[in-house]
Amino acid sequence: MKIDILTLFPQMFTGFLNESIIKRAIAQKIVTVNLIDFRKFSHLNNSQVDDTPYGGGGGMVLMPGPIVEAIESVKTKDSLVILLTPQGKTYTQKQALELKNYKHLILVCGHYEGFDERIRQFVDLEISIGDYILTGGEIPAMVLTDSITRLLDGTIKKESYQNDSFTDNLLDYPTYTKPQNFRGLTVPDVLLSGDHAKIKAWRQAKQLENTQAKRKDLLK
């Protein structure tokens, strides 16, 4: 998979792309991540990419020209262009599983007061990572890149994510490791039994119990 991230602040991704699972996936050529500073597509002498909003109001609005030209510089017939915006559809694990099947994703990071409305005519999908406001789209771009990359074949073992929370609309079951007794808190006996059928049943029951207690809305 190829992921192009259009951003005003490519340096924000330095640590993200050079640590842990993402770094290994890039090294193994499972995913290619390119950072594109759309300020380079400005035609103004000062590389300006924003201006005051028509009709008045606070803040600055990103102009359509630089962003649309940046999109067009990398877009192919295989591309899916995603605008990261609070107005988008709330991101879910189900959507991550769908997006991992694309060959090329273009993630557009906003900043300042928002996008010129006409930019929306040049994107395929709008995504929000939650009902709150961030200073820009860089963190949401990292969220999408991380959540999708870990699902790509060869990044991690399938069994490591097949039982993730939200995969089957349920939260994950509790997990334990050594020591068996920590300050009087012990590992459930069923997990020590070696009976895989009982362990599976226990985990399924705990998934339902967890979801009922913490995220009842998922059961709908």
N, C-alpha and C. Protein backbone atom coordinates (compact mmCIF):
# COMPACT_ATOMS: atom_id res chain seq x y z
N MET A 1 0.84 -1.20 0.00
CA MET A 1 0.00 0.00 0.00
C MET A 1 0.87 1.25 0.00
N LYS A 2 0.37 2.28 -0.67
CA LYS A 2 1.04 3.58 -0.66
C LYS A 2 0.12 4.58 0.03
N ILE A 3 0.69 5.37 0.94
CA ILE A 3 -0.07 6.42 1.62
C ILE A 3 0.66 7.74 1.42
N ASP A 4 -0.01 8.69 0.79
CA ASP A 4 0.51 10.04 0.65
C ASP A 4 -0.21 10.94 1.63
N ILE A 5 0.55 11.66 2.44
CA ILE A 5 -0.04 12.55 3.45
C ILE A 5 0.27 13.99 3.06
N LEU A 6 -0.77 14.76 2.80
CA LEU A 6 -0.63 16.16 2.44
C LEU A 6 -0.74 17.00 3.71
N THR A 7 0.31 17.74 4.02
CA THR A 7 0.39 18.42 5.31
C THR A 7 1.23 19.68 5.21
N LEU A 8 0.98 20.60 6.12
CA LEU A 8 1.83 21.79 6.23
C LEU A 8 3.00 21.55 7.18
N PHE A 9 2.95 20.45 7.93
CA PHE A 9 3.95 20.21 8.97
C PHE A 9 4.50 18.78 8.87
N PRO A 10 5.25 18.46 7.82
CA PRO A 10 5.78 17.10 7.67
C PRO A 10 6.69 16.67 8.80
N GLN A 11 7.33 17.63 9.47
CA GLN A 11 8.25 17.28 10.56
C GLN A 11 7.51 16.64 11.74
N MET A 12 6.21 16.84 11.84
CA MET A 12 5.45 16.24 12.92
C MET A 12 5.44 14.71 12.84
N PHE A 13 5.73 14.15 11.68
CA PHE A 13 5.64 12.71 11.46
C PHE A 13 6.98 12.00 11.68
N THR A 14 8.02 12.73 12.02
CA THR A 14 9.36 12.13 12.12
C THR A 14 9.40 10.97 13.10
N GLY A 15 8.98 11.18 14.32
CA GLY A 15 8.99 10.11 15.31
C GLY A 15 8.02 9.00 14.96
N PHE A 16 6.86 9.38 14.51
CA PHE A 16 5.81 8.41 14.19
C PHE A 16 6.26 7.40 13.15
N LEU A 17 6.95 7.85 12.12
CA LEU A 17 7.36 6.98 11.02
C LEU A 17 8.66 6.23 11.30
N ASN A 18 9.33 6.56 12.38
CA ASN A 18 10.64 5.96 12.64
C ASN A 18 10.70 5.15 13.92
N GLU A 19 9.55 4.65 14.34
CA GLU A 19 9.50 3.84 15.55
C GLU A 19 8.56 2.65 15.35
N SER A 20 8.88 1.56 16.04
CA SER A 20 7.96 0.44 16.25
C SER A 20 7.45 -0.20 14.96
N ILE A 21 6.18 -0.58 14.97
CA ILE A 21 5.57 -1.37 13.90
C ILE A 21 5.56 -0.61 12.58
N ILE A 22 5.28 0.69 12.61
CA ILE A 22 5.25 1.46 11.37
C ILE A 22 6.62 1.46 10.70
N LYS A 23 7.66 1.65 11.48
CA LYS A 23 9.02 1.64 10.92
C LYS A 23 9.32 0.31 10.27
N ARG A 24 8.94 -0.80 10.93
CA ARG A 24 9.22 -2.13 10.36
C ARG A 24 8.42 -2.36 9.09
N ALA A 25 7.17 -1.92 9.08
CA ALA A 25 6.34 -2.11 7.88
C ALA A 25 6.91 -1.34 6.69
N ILE A 26 7.45 -0.16 6.94
CA ILE A 26 8.07 0.63 5.87
C ILE A 26 9.35 -0.06 5.40
N ALA A 27 10.16 -0.53 6.35
CA ALA A 27 11.41 -1.20 5.99
C ALA A 27 11.17 -2.47 5.18
N GLN A 28 10.08 -3.17 5.48
CA GLN A 28 9.74 -4.40 4.77
C GLN A 28 8.95 -4.15 3.49
N LYS A 29 8.74 -2.86 3.18
CA LYS A 29 8.03 -2.44 1.96
C LYS A 29 6.58 -2.94 1.93
N ILE A 30 6.01 -3.13 3.10
CA ILE A 30 4.59 -3.46 3.20
C ILE A 30 3.77 -2.21 2.92
N VAL A 31 4.29 -1.06 3.35
CA VAL A 31 3.63 0.22 3.11
C VAL A 31 4.70 1.25 2.78
N THR A 32 4.32 2.18 1.91
CA THR A 32 5.17 3.34 1.60
C THR A 32 4.42 4.58 2.04
N VAL A 33 5.07 5.41 2.84
CA VAL A 33 4.43 6.63 3.33
C VAL A 33 5.23 7.83 2.83
N ASN A 34 4.56 8.70 2.08
CA ASN A 34 5.18 9.91 1.56
C ASN A 34 4.54 11.13 2.21
N LEU A 35 5.36 12.10 2.58
CA LEU A 35 4.88 13.35 3.16
C LEU A 35 5.00 14.45 2.12
N ILE A 36 3.91 15.12 1.85
CA ILE A 36 3.88 16.16 0.82
C ILE A 36 3.47 17.48 1.45
N ASP A 37 4.36 18.43 1.43
CA ASP A 37 4.09 19.76 1.98
C ASP A 37 3.35 20.55 0.91
N PHE A 38 2.06 20.75 1.11
CA PHE A 38 1.30 21.42 0.04
C PHE A 38 1.58 22.92 -0.03
N ARG A 39 2.40 23.43 0.90
CA ARG A 39 2.84 24.81 0.77
C ARG A 39 3.69 24.99 -0.50
N LYS A 40 4.33 23.89 -0.93
CA LYS A 40 5.17 23.96 -2.14
C LYS A 40 4.34 24.16 -3.41
N PHE A 41 3.03 24.02 -3.30
CA PHE A 41 2.17 24.19 -4.46
C PHE A 41 1.53 25.58 -4.48
N SER A 42 1.95 26.44 -3.57
CA SER A 42 1.46 27.81 -3.57
C SER A 42 2.11 28.57 -4.72
N HIS A 43 1.34 29.46 -5.34
CA HIS A 43 1.87 30.30 -6.42
C HIS A 43 2.18 31.71 -5.94
N LEU A 44 2.10 31.93 -4.65
CA LEU A 44 2.40 33.24 -4.08
C LEU A 44 3.85 33.31 -3.62
N ASN A 45 4.41 34.48 -3.64
CA ASN A 45 5.84 34.65 -3.33
C ASN A 45 6.19 34.20 -1.92
N ASN A 46 5.26 34.35 -1.00
CA ASN A 46 5.53 33.97 0.39
C ASN A 46 5.04 32.56 0.72
N SER A 47 4.70 31.79 -0.32
CA SER A 47 4.22 30.41 -0.16
C SER A 47 2.94 30.33 0.67
N GLN A 48 2.15 31.38 0.63
CA GLN A 48 0.91 31.43 1.40
C GLN A 48 -0.09 30.40 0.87
N VAL A 49 -0.77 29.72 1.80
CA VAL A 49 -1.77 28.72 1.42
C VAL A 49 -3.13 29.00 2.06
N ASP A 50 -3.25 30.09 2.81
CA ASP A 50 -4.51 30.41 3.48
C ASP A 50 -4.83 31.88 3.32
N ASP A 51 -6.09 32.23 3.58
CA ASP A 51 -6.48 33.63 3.49
C ASP A 51 -7.72 33.84 4.36
N THR A 52 -8.11 35.10 4.51
CA THR A 52 -9.27 35.42 5.34
C THR A 52 -10.56 34.94 4.66
N PRO A 53 -11.56 34.57 5.44
CA PRO A 53 -12.80 34.04 4.87
C PRO A 53 -13.68 35.13 4.27
N TYR A 54 -14.26 34.84 3.12
CA TYR A 54 -15.28 35.74 2.57
C TYR A 54 -16.44 35.82 3.55
N GLY A 55 -17.01 37.00 3.70
CA GLY A 55 -18.12 37.17 4.62
C GLY A 55 -17.69 37.51 6.03
N GLY A 56 -16.38 37.52 6.26
CA GLY A 56 -15.86 37.86 7.58
C GLY A 56 -15.80 36.67 8.52
N GLY A 57 -15.28 36.89 9.70
CA GLY A 57 -15.13 35.82 10.67
C GLY A 57 -13.68 35.65 11.08
N GLY A 58 -13.47 34.96 12.18
CA GLY A 58 -12.13 34.77 12.70
C GLY A 58 -11.38 33.66 11.99
N GLY A 59 -10.07 33.69 12.11
CA GLY A 59 -9.24 32.61 11.58
C GLY A 59 -8.94 32.75 10.11
N MET A 60 -8.15 31.81 9.63
CA MET A 60 -7.74 31.78 8.22
C MET A 60 -8.24 30.48 7.61
N VAL A 61 -8.54 30.52 6.32
CA VAL A 61 -9.10 29.36 5.61
C VAL A 61 -8.11 28.90 4.55
N LEU A 62 -7.89 27.60 4.45
CA LEU A 62 -6.99 27.06 3.44
C LEU A 62 -7.57 27.24 2.04
N MET A 63 -6.77 27.79 1.15
CA MET A 63 -7.20 28.05 -0.22
C MET A 63 -7.26 26.74 -1.01
N PRO A 64 -8.13 26.67 -2.02
CA PRO A 64 -8.26 25.42 -2.76
C PRO A 64 -7.07 25.08 -3.65
N GLY A 65 -6.45 26.10 -4.25
CA GLY A 65 -5.41 25.85 -5.25
C GLY A 65 -4.29 24.93 -4.81
N PRO A 66 -3.54 25.28 -3.75
CA PRO A 66 -2.40 24.43 -3.35
C PRO A 66 -2.79 23.00 -3.00
N ILE A 67 -3.92 22.83 -2.29
CA ILE A 67 -4.32 21.48 -1.88
C ILE A 67 -4.76 20.66 -3.08
N VAL A 68 -5.56 21.23 -3.96
CA VAL A 68 -6.04 20.49 -5.13
C VAL A 68 -4.88 20.12 -6.04
N GLU A 69 -3.93 21.04 -6.23
CA GLU A 69 -2.78 20.74 -7.07
C GLU A 69 -1.91 19.65 -6.43
N ALA A 70 -1.79 19.67 -5.11
CA ALA A 70 -1.02 18.62 -4.42
C ALA A 70 -1.69 17.27 -4.60
N ILE A 71 -3.02 17.23 -4.49
CA ILE A 71 -3.76 15.99 -4.71
C ILE A 71 -3.51 15.48 -6.13
N GLU A 72 -3.64 16.37 -7.10
CA GLU A 72 -3.50 15.98 -8.50
C GLU A 72 -2.10 15.52 -8.85
N SER A 73 -1.11 15.97 -8.08
CA SER A 73 0.28 15.59 -8.36
C SER A 73 0.57 14.12 -8.05
N VAL A 74 -0.27 13.51 -7.20
CA VAL A 74 -0.02 12.11 -6.83
C VAL A 74 -1.20 11.18 -7.13
N LYS A 75 -2.32 11.73 -7.51
CA LYS A 75 -3.52 10.92 -7.70
C LYS A 75 -3.42 10.05 -8.95
N THR A 76 -3.89 8.78 -8.79
CA THR A 76 -3.97 7.85 -9.92
C THR A 76 -5.36 7.23 -9.90
N LYS A 77 -5.60 6.30 -10.83
CA LYS A 77 -6.90 5.62 -10.89
C LYS A 77 -7.13 4.74 -9.66
N ASP A 78 -6.06 4.41 -8.93
CA ASP A 78 -6.16 3.55 -7.74
C ASP A 78 -6.29 4.34 -6.45
N SER A 79 -6.32 5.66 -6.53
CA SER A 79 -6.27 6.49 -5.33
C SER A 79 -7.64 6.68 -4.69
N LEU A 80 -7.64 6.75 -3.37
CA LEU A 80 -8.79 7.18 -2.59
C LEU A 80 -8.35 8.41 -1.81
N VAL A 81 -9.00 9.54 -2.05
CA VAL A 81 -8.61 10.80 -1.42
C VAL A 81 -9.50 11.02 -0.19
N ILE A 82 -8.86 11.17 0.97
CA ILE A 82 -9.57 11.30 2.24
C ILE A 82 -9.26 12.65 2.87
N LEU A 83 -10.31 13.40 3.15
CA LEU A 83 -10.18 14.67 3.84
C LEU A 83 -10.39 14.43 5.34
N LEU A 84 -9.45 14.84 6.15
CA LEU A 84 -9.54 14.65 7.61
C LEU A 84 -10.16 15.90 8.21
N THR A 85 -11.40 15.77 8.66
CA THR A 85 -12.17 16.93 9.07
C THR A 85 -13.19 16.54 10.14
N PRO A 86 -13.49 17.44 11.09
CA PRO A 86 -14.52 17.14 12.10
C PRO A 86 -15.89 16.87 11.50
N GLN A 87 -16.11 17.30 10.25
CA GLN A 87 -17.40 17.09 9.60
C GLN A 87 -17.53 15.71 8.97
N GLY A 88 -16.45 14.93 9.00
CA GLY A 88 -16.47 13.63 8.36
C GLY A 88 -17.18 12.56 9.18
N LYS A 89 -17.34 11.40 8.56
CA LYS A 89 -17.92 10.24 9.23
C LYS A 89 -16.95 9.75 10.31
N THR A 90 -17.47 9.42 11.48
CA THR A 90 -16.61 8.99 12.58
C THR A 90 -15.91 7.67 12.24
N TYR A 91 -14.61 7.67 12.42
CA TYR A 91 -13.76 6.53 12.04
C TYR A 91 -13.98 5.34 12.96
N THR A 92 -13.99 4.14 12.38
CA THR A 92 -14.20 2.91 13.13
C THR A 92 -13.23 1.83 12.67
N GLN A 93 -13.15 0.76 13.45
CA GLN A 93 -12.33 -0.39 13.06
C GLN A 93 -12.85 -1.01 11.77
N LYS A 94 -14.16 -1.03 11.60
CA LYS A 94 -14.74 -1.57 10.37
C LYS A 94 -14.24 -0.80 9.16
N GLN A 95 -14.15 0.51 9.29
CA GLN A 95 -13.67 1.32 8.18
C GLN A 95 -12.18 1.07 7.92
N ALA A 96 -11.41 0.88 8.99
CA ALA A 96 -9.99 0.55 8.82
C ALA A 96 -9.83 -0.74 8.02
N LEU A 97 -10.66 -1.73 8.31
CA LEU A 97 -10.61 -3.00 7.58
C LEU A 97 -10.98 -2.82 6.11
N GLU A 98 -11.85 -1.87 5.83
CA GLU A 98 -12.21 -1.60 4.43
C GLU A 98 -11.09 -0.85 3.71
N LEU A 99 -10.49 0.12 4.38
CA LEU A 99 -9.47 0.96 3.75
C LEU A 99 -8.18 0.19 3.48
N LYS A 100 -7.92 -0.86 4.23
CA LYS A 100 -6.68 -1.62 4.01
C LYS A 100 -6.65 -2.31 2.65
N ASN A 101 -7.79 -2.39 1.99
CA ASN A 101 -7.87 -3.05 0.69
C ASN A 101 -7.53 -2.13 -0.48
N TYR A 102 -7.35 -0.85 -0.21
CA TYR A 102 -6.99 0.08 -1.27
C TYR A 102 -5.48 0.06 -1.53
N LYS A 103 -5.10 0.32 -2.77
CA LYS A 103 -3.68 0.35 -3.12
C LYS A 103 -3.04 1.68 -2.74
N HIS A 104 -3.84 2.75 -2.77
CA HIS A 104 -3.26 4.08 -2.58
C HIS A 104 -4.24 4.98 -1.84
N LEU A 105 -3.81 5.51 -0.72
CA LEU A 105 -4.61 6.46 0.04
C LEU A 105 -3.91 7.82 0.03
N ILE A 106 -4.69 8.86 -0.16
CA ILE A 106 -4.20 10.23 -0.05
C ILE A 106 -4.92 10.87 1.11
N LEU A 107 -4.18 11.24 2.16
CA LEU A 107 -4.75 11.83 3.36
C LEU A 107 -4.47 13.32 3.38
N VAL A 108 -5.51 14.12 3.45
CA VAL A 108 -5.36 15.58 3.41
C VAL A 108 -5.56 16.15 4.81
N CYS A 109 -4.51 16.75 5.35
CA CYS A 109 -4.54 17.32 6.70
C CYS A 109 -4.91 18.81 6.64
N GLY A 110 -5.93 19.16 7.35
CA GLY A 110 -6.32 20.56 7.41
C GLY A 110 -5.56 21.30 8.50
N HIS A 111 -5.77 22.60 8.54
CA HIS A 111 -5.17 23.42 9.60
C HIS A 111 -5.89 24.76 9.61
N TYR A 112 -5.59 25.56 10.59
CA TYR A 112 -6.21 26.87 10.74
C TYR A 112 -7.72 26.73 10.93
N GLU A 113 -8.51 27.61 10.32
CA GLU A 113 -9.95 27.62 10.57
C GLU A 113 -10.69 26.55 9.77
N GLY A 114 -10.05 26.03 8.73
CA GLY A 114 -10.71 24.98 7.94
C GLY A 114 -10.36 25.08 6.47
N PHE A 115 -11.12 24.32 5.67
CA PHE A 115 -10.89 24.24 4.23
C PHE A 115 -11.85 25.15 3.48
N ASP A 116 -11.39 25.69 2.35
CA ASP A 116 -12.32 26.27 1.39
C ASP A 116 -13.28 25.16 0.97
N GLU A 117 -14.58 25.45 0.99
CA GLU A 117 -15.60 24.43 0.72
C GLU A 117 -15.40 23.72 -0.61
N ARG A 118 -14.81 24.39 -1.59
CA ARG A 118 -14.65 23.80 -2.92
C ARG A 118 -13.66 22.65 -2.96
N ILE A 119 -12.81 22.56 -1.94
CA ILE A 119 -11.86 21.44 -1.87
C ILE A 119 -12.61 20.12 -1.78
N ARG A 120 -13.79 20.14 -1.16
CA ARG A 120 -14.56 18.91 -0.99
C ARG A 120 -14.97 18.28 -2.32
N GLN A 121 -14.96 19.04 -3.38
CA GLN A 121 -15.30 18.51 -4.70
C GLN A 121 -14.19 17.61 -5.25
N PHE A 122 -13.05 17.61 -4.62
CA PHE A 122 -11.89 16.88 -5.14
C PHE A 122 -11.48 15.72 -4.23
N VAL A 123 -12.33 15.37 -3.27
CA VAL A 123 -12.03 14.26 -2.36
C VAL A 123 -13.12 13.21 -2.48
N ASP A 124 -12.79 11.99 -2.06
CA ASP A 124 -13.73 10.87 -2.15
C ASP A 124 -14.43 10.58 -0.84
N LEU A 125 -13.80 10.97 0.27
CA LEU A 125 -14.30 10.57 1.57
C LEU A 125 -13.86 11.58 2.62
N GLU A 126 -14.72 11.85 3.59
CA GLU A 126 -14.35 12.71 4.72
C GLU A 126 -14.41 11.88 6.00
N ILE A 127 -13.36 11.96 6.81
CA ILE A 127 -13.28 11.16 8.03
C ILE A 127 -12.95 12.05 9.22
N SER A 128 -13.62 11.78 10.34
CA SER A 128 -13.32 12.40 11.63
C SER A 128 -12.92 11.30 12.60
N ILE A 129 -11.96 11.58 13.48
CA ILE A 129 -11.58 10.57 14.47
C ILE A 129 -12.31 10.77 15.79
N GLY A 130 -13.24 11.73 15.83
CA GLY A 130 -14.02 11.91 17.05
C GLY A 130 -14.62 13.30 17.12
N ASP A 131 -15.55 13.46 18.02
CA ASP A 131 -16.27 14.72 18.15
C ASP A 131 -15.53 15.69 19.06
N TYR A 132 -14.39 16.15 18.58
CA TYR A 132 -13.59 17.16 19.26
C TYR A 132 -12.71 17.82 18.22
N ILE A 133 -12.10 18.94 18.56
CA ILE A 133 -11.33 19.70 17.59
C ILE A 133 -9.84 19.67 17.94
N LEU A 134 -9.02 19.38 16.94
CA LEU A 134 -7.56 19.41 17.09
C LEU A 134 -7.02 20.62 16.33
N THR A 135 -5.73 20.91 16.51
CA THR A 135 -5.14 22.04 15.80
C THR A 135 -4.94 21.75 14.32
N GLY A 136 -4.96 20.50 13.94
CA GLY A 136 -4.78 20.16 12.53
C GLY A 136 -5.05 18.69 12.28
N GLY A 137 -4.89 18.29 11.03
CA GLY A 137 -5.20 16.91 10.64
C GLY A 137 -4.05 15.94 10.73
N GLU A 138 -2.91 16.39 11.26
CA GLU A 138 -1.74 15.51 11.30
C GLU A 138 -1.94 14.33 12.24
N ILE A 139 -2.48 14.57 13.43
CA ILE A 139 -2.71 13.46 14.36
C ILE A 139 -3.75 12.49 13.80
N PRO A 140 -4.88 12.95 13.24
CA PRO A 140 -5.79 12.02 12.57
C PRO A 140 -5.13 11.23 11.44
N ALA A 141 -4.23 11.85 10.70
CA ALA A 141 -3.52 11.12 9.63
C ALA A 141 -2.67 10.00 10.21
N MET A 142 -2.05 10.26 11.36
CA MET A 142 -1.27 9.23 12.03
C MET A 142 -2.19 8.10 12.51
N VAL A 143 -3.35 8.46 13.03
CA VAL A 143 -4.30 7.46 13.50
C VAL A 143 -4.70 6.52 12.36
N LEU A 144 -5.05 7.09 11.22
CA LEU A 144 -5.44 6.25 10.07
C LEU A 144 -4.27 5.40 9.59
N THR A 145 -3.10 6.01 9.47
CA THR A 145 -1.93 5.28 8.97
C THR A 145 -1.58 4.12 9.89
N ASP A 146 -1.62 4.35 11.19
CA ASP A 146 -1.30 3.30 12.16
C ASP A 146 -2.35 2.18 12.12
N SER A 147 -3.62 2.55 12.20
CA SER A 147 -4.68 1.55 12.30
C SER A 147 -4.81 0.71 11.04
N ILE A 148 -4.48 1.29 9.89
CA ILE A 148 -4.55 0.55 8.63
C ILE A 148 -3.29 -0.29 8.41
N THR A 149 -2.14 0.28 8.69
CA THR A 149 -0.88 -0.43 8.45
C THR A 149 -0.80 -1.72 9.25
N ARG A 150 -1.26 -1.71 10.49
CA ARG A 150 -1.18 -2.91 11.33
C ARG A 150 -2.06 -4.04 10.79
N LEU A 151 -3.01 -3.71 9.92
CA LEU A 151 -3.89 -4.72 9.34
C LEU A 151 -3.35 -5.30 8.03
N LEU A 152 -2.32 -4.69 7.47
CA LEU A 152 -1.78 -5.15 6.19
C LEU A 152 -1.04 -6.47 6.38
N ASP A 153 -1.19 -7.35 5.41
CA ASP A 153 -0.54 -8.67 5.48
C ASP A 153 0.96 -8.51 5.69
N GLY A 154 1.48 -9.20 6.70
CA GLY A 154 2.90 -9.19 6.97
C GLY A 154 3.33 -8.21 8.04
N THR A 155 2.45 -7.30 8.42
CA THR A 155 2.84 -6.32 9.45
C THR A 155 2.86 -6.97 10.83
N ILE A 156 1.75 -7.56 11.23
CA ILE A 156 1.70 -8.35 12.46
C ILE A 156 0.92 -9.62 12.16
N LYS A 157 0.97 -10.58 13.05
CA LYS A 157 0.23 -11.81 12.85
C LYS A 157 -1.28 -11.55 12.89
N LYS A 158 -2.01 -12.24 12.03
CA LYS A 158 -3.46 -12.01 11.95
C LYS A 158 -4.15 -12.26 13.28
N GLU A 159 -3.70 -13.28 14.01
CA GLU A 159 -4.35 -13.58 15.28
C GLU A 159 -4.14 -12.47 16.30
N SER A 160 -3.17 -11.57 16.02
CA SER A 160 -2.92 -10.46 16.93
C SER A 160 -3.99 -9.38 16.82
N TYR A 161 -4.69 -9.35 15.67
CA TYR A 161 -5.72 -8.32 15.53
C TYR A 161 -7.12 -8.86 15.27
N GLN A 162 -7.24 -10.16 15.01
CA GLN A 162 -8.55 -10.70 14.69
C GLN A 162 -9.53 -10.62 15.85
N ASN A 163 -9.02 -10.60 17.09
CA ASN A 163 -9.89 -10.48 18.25
C ASN A 163 -9.84 -9.09 18.88
N ASP A 164 -9.32 -8.11 18.14
CA ASP A 164 -9.28 -6.75 18.65
C ASP A 164 -10.66 -6.25 19.03
N SER A 165 -10.69 -5.31 19.96
CA SER A 165 -11.95 -4.63 20.24
C SER A 165 -12.51 -4.05 18.95
N PHE A 166 -13.83 -4.12 18.81
CA PHE A 166 -14.59 -3.56 17.69
C PHE A 166 -14.60 -4.43 16.44
N THR A 167 -13.70 -5.43 16.34
CA THR A 167 -13.66 -6.24 15.12
C THR A 167 -15.00 -6.92 14.88
N ASP A 168 -15.61 -7.46 15.94
CA ASP A 168 -16.92 -8.09 15.81
C ASP A 168 -17.98 -7.29 16.56
N ASN A 169 -17.73 -5.98 16.69
CA ASN A 169 -18.64 -5.07 17.38
C ASN A 169 -18.68 -5.31 18.89
N LEU A 170 -17.66 -5.98 19.40
CA LEU A 170 -17.54 -6.20 20.83
C LEU A 170 -16.18 -5.70 21.31
N LEU A 171 -16.11 -5.37 22.60
CA LEU A 171 -14.82 -5.04 23.19
C LEU A 171 -14.03 -6.32 23.42
N ASP A 172 -12.73 -6.19 23.60
CA ASP A 172 -11.86 -7.35 23.77
C ASP A 172 -12.08 -7.98 25.15
N TYR A 173 -11.67 -9.23 25.28
CA TYR A 173 -11.73 -9.92 26.57
C TYR A 173 -10.50 -9.56 27.41
N PRO A 174 -10.55 -9.77 28.73
CA PRO A 174 -9.39 -9.47 29.59
C PRO A 174 -8.22 -10.41 29.28
N THR A 175 -7.03 -9.89 29.37
CA THR A 175 -5.83 -10.71 29.17
C THR A 175 -4.92 -10.59 30.39
N TYR A 176 -4.12 -11.62 30.61
CA TYR A 176 -3.23 -11.69 31.78
C TYR A 176 -1.88 -12.26 31.38
N THR A 177 -0.85 -11.94 32.15
CA THR A 177 0.46 -12.55 31.97
C THR A 177 1.10 -12.73 33.35
N LYS A 178 2.34 -13.15 33.40
CA LYS A 178 3.04 -13.40 34.66
C LYS A 178 3.23 -12.09 35.44
N PRO A 179 3.19 -12.13 36.78
CA PRO A 179 3.07 -13.31 37.63
C PRO A 179 1.62 -13.76 37.77
N GLN A 180 1.44 -15.00 38.18
CA GLN A 180 0.10 -15.55 38.36
C GLN A 180 -0.64 -14.85 39.50
N ASN A 181 0.11 -14.43 40.50
CA ASN A 181 -0.48 -13.72 41.64
C ASN A 181 0.25 -12.39 41.80
N PHE A 182 -0.47 -11.31 41.62
CA PHE A 182 0.12 -9.98 41.78
C PHE A 182 -0.65 -9.25 42.87
N ARG A 183 0.00 -9.12 44.06
CA ARG A 183 -0.58 -8.41 45.21
C ARG A 183 -1.97 -8.94 45.56
N GLY A 184 -2.11 -10.23 45.47
CA GLY A 184 -3.37 -10.86 45.83
C GLY A 184 -4.37 -10.94 44.70
N LEU A 185 -4.04 -10.35 43.57
CA LEU A 185 -4.90 -10.41 42.39
C LEU A 185 -4.42 -11.56 41.52
N THR A 186 -5.27 -12.57 41.32
CA THR A 186 -4.84 -13.79 40.64
C THR A 186 -5.45 -13.92 39.26
N VAL A 187 -4.80 -14.71 38.45
CA VAL A 187 -5.28 -15.01 37.10
C VAL A 187 -6.46 -15.98 37.21
N PRO A 188 -7.55 -15.77 36.46
CA PRO A 188 -8.69 -16.70 36.50
C PRO A 188 -8.26 -18.14 36.24
N ASP A 189 -8.80 -19.06 37.01
CA ASP A 189 -8.41 -20.47 36.92
C ASP A 189 -8.60 -21.04 35.52
N VAL A 190 -9.64 -20.61 34.82
CA VAL A 190 -9.93 -21.18 33.50
C VAL A 190 -8.77 -20.98 32.53
N LEU A 191 -8.04 -19.87 32.68
CA LEU A 191 -6.92 -19.60 31.78
C LEU A 191 -5.71 -20.48 32.08
N LEU A 192 -5.73 -21.12 33.24
CA LEU A 192 -4.63 -22.02 33.62
C LEU A 192 -5.01 -23.49 33.39
N SER A 193 -6.22 -23.72 32.93
CA SER A 193 -6.75 -25.08 32.84
C SER A 193 -6.20 -25.88 31.67
N GLY A 194 -5.79 -25.18 30.61
CA GLY A 194 -5.36 -25.89 29.41
C GLY A 194 -6.52 -26.40 28.56
N ASP A 195 -7.76 -26.13 28.99
CA ASP A 195 -8.95 -26.55 28.25
C ASP A 195 -9.33 -25.42 27.28
N HIS A 196 -8.95 -25.59 26.01
CA HIS A 196 -9.11 -24.50 25.04
C HIS A 196 -10.57 -24.18 24.74
N ALA A 197 -11.44 -25.17 24.82
CA ALA A 197 -12.86 -24.92 24.59
C ALA A 197 -13.43 -24.05 25.70
N LYS A 198 -13.06 -24.36 26.94
CA LYS A 198 -13.53 -23.56 28.08
C LYS A 198 -12.95 -22.15 28.04
N ILE A 199 -11.70 -22.05 27.64
CA ILE A 199 -11.06 -20.73 27.54
C ILE A 199 -11.76 -19.88 26.49
N LYS A 200 -12.06 -20.50 25.34
CA LYS A 200 -12.75 -19.77 24.28
C LYS A 200 -14.12 -19.29 24.74
N ALA A 201 -14.85 -20.16 25.42
CA ALA A 201 -16.19 -19.79 25.92
C ALA A 201 -16.09 -18.68 26.96
N TRP A 202 -15.10 -18.77 27.84
CA TRP A 202 -14.89 -17.73 28.86
C TRP A 202 -14.59 -16.39 28.20
N ARG A 203 -13.74 -16.39 27.21
CA ARG A 203 -13.38 -15.15 26.53
C ARG A 203 -14.58 -14.54 25.81
N GLN A 204 -15.37 -15.35 25.17
CA GLN A 204 -16.56 -14.83 24.49
C GLN A 204 -17.54 -14.22 25.49
N ALA A 205 -17.70 -14.90 26.62
CA ALA A 205 -18.60 -14.38 27.66
C ALA A 205 -18.07 -13.05 28.21
N LYS A 206 -16.76 -12.97 28.39
CA LYS A 206 -16.17 -11.74 28.91
C LYS A 206 -16.27 -10.58 27.91
N GLN A 207 -16.20 -10.91 26.61
CA GLN A 207 -16.38 -9.87 25.61
C GLN A 207 -17.76 -9.23 25.73
N LEU A 208 -18.76 -10.07 25.85
CA LEU A 208 -20.13 -9.58 26.01
C LEU A 208 -20.29 -8.79 27.31
N GLU A 209 -19.70 -9.31 28.37
CA GLU A 209 -19.78 -8.66 29.68
C GLU A 209 -19.11 -7.29 29.64
N ASN A 210 -17.93 -7.22 29.05
CA ASN A 210 -17.20 -5.95 28.94
C ASN A 210 -17.99 -4.93 28.13
N THR A 211 -18.52 -5.40 27.00
CA THR A 211 -19.26 -4.49 26.11
C THR A 211 -20.53 -4.00 26.77
N GLN A 212 -21.22 -4.89 27.47
CA GLN A 212 -22.44 -4.51 28.17
C GLN A 212 -22.15 -3.46 29.23
N ALA A 213 -21.02 -3.61 29.92
CA ALA A 213 -20.69 -2.71 31.03
C ALA A 213 -20.11 -1.38 30.55
N LYS A 214 -19.31 -1.41 29.47
CA LYS A 214 -18.56 -0.21 29.08
C LYS A 214 -19.05 0.48 27.82
N ARG A 215 -19.59 -0.29 26.87
CA ARG A 215 -20.03 0.29 25.60
C ARG A 215 -21.32 -0.38 25.13
N LYS A 216 -22.37 -0.21 25.89
CA LYS A 216 -23.64 -0.84 25.58
C LYS A 216 -24.15 -0.45 24.19
N ASP A 217 -23.73 0.74 23.73
CA ASP A 217 -24.19 1.21 22.42
C ASP A 217 -23.73 0.30 21.27
N LEU A 218 -22.62 -0.41 21.48
CA LEU A 218 -22.12 -1.31 20.42
C LEU A 218 -23.04 -2.50 20.21
N LEU A 219 -23.75 -2.90 21.24
CA LEU A 219 -24.62 -4.07 21.15
C LEU A 219 -25.85 -3.81 20.31
N LYS A 220 -26.14 -2.54 20.03
CA LYS A 220 -27.28 -2.19 19.19
C LYS A 220 -27.02 -2.53 17.73
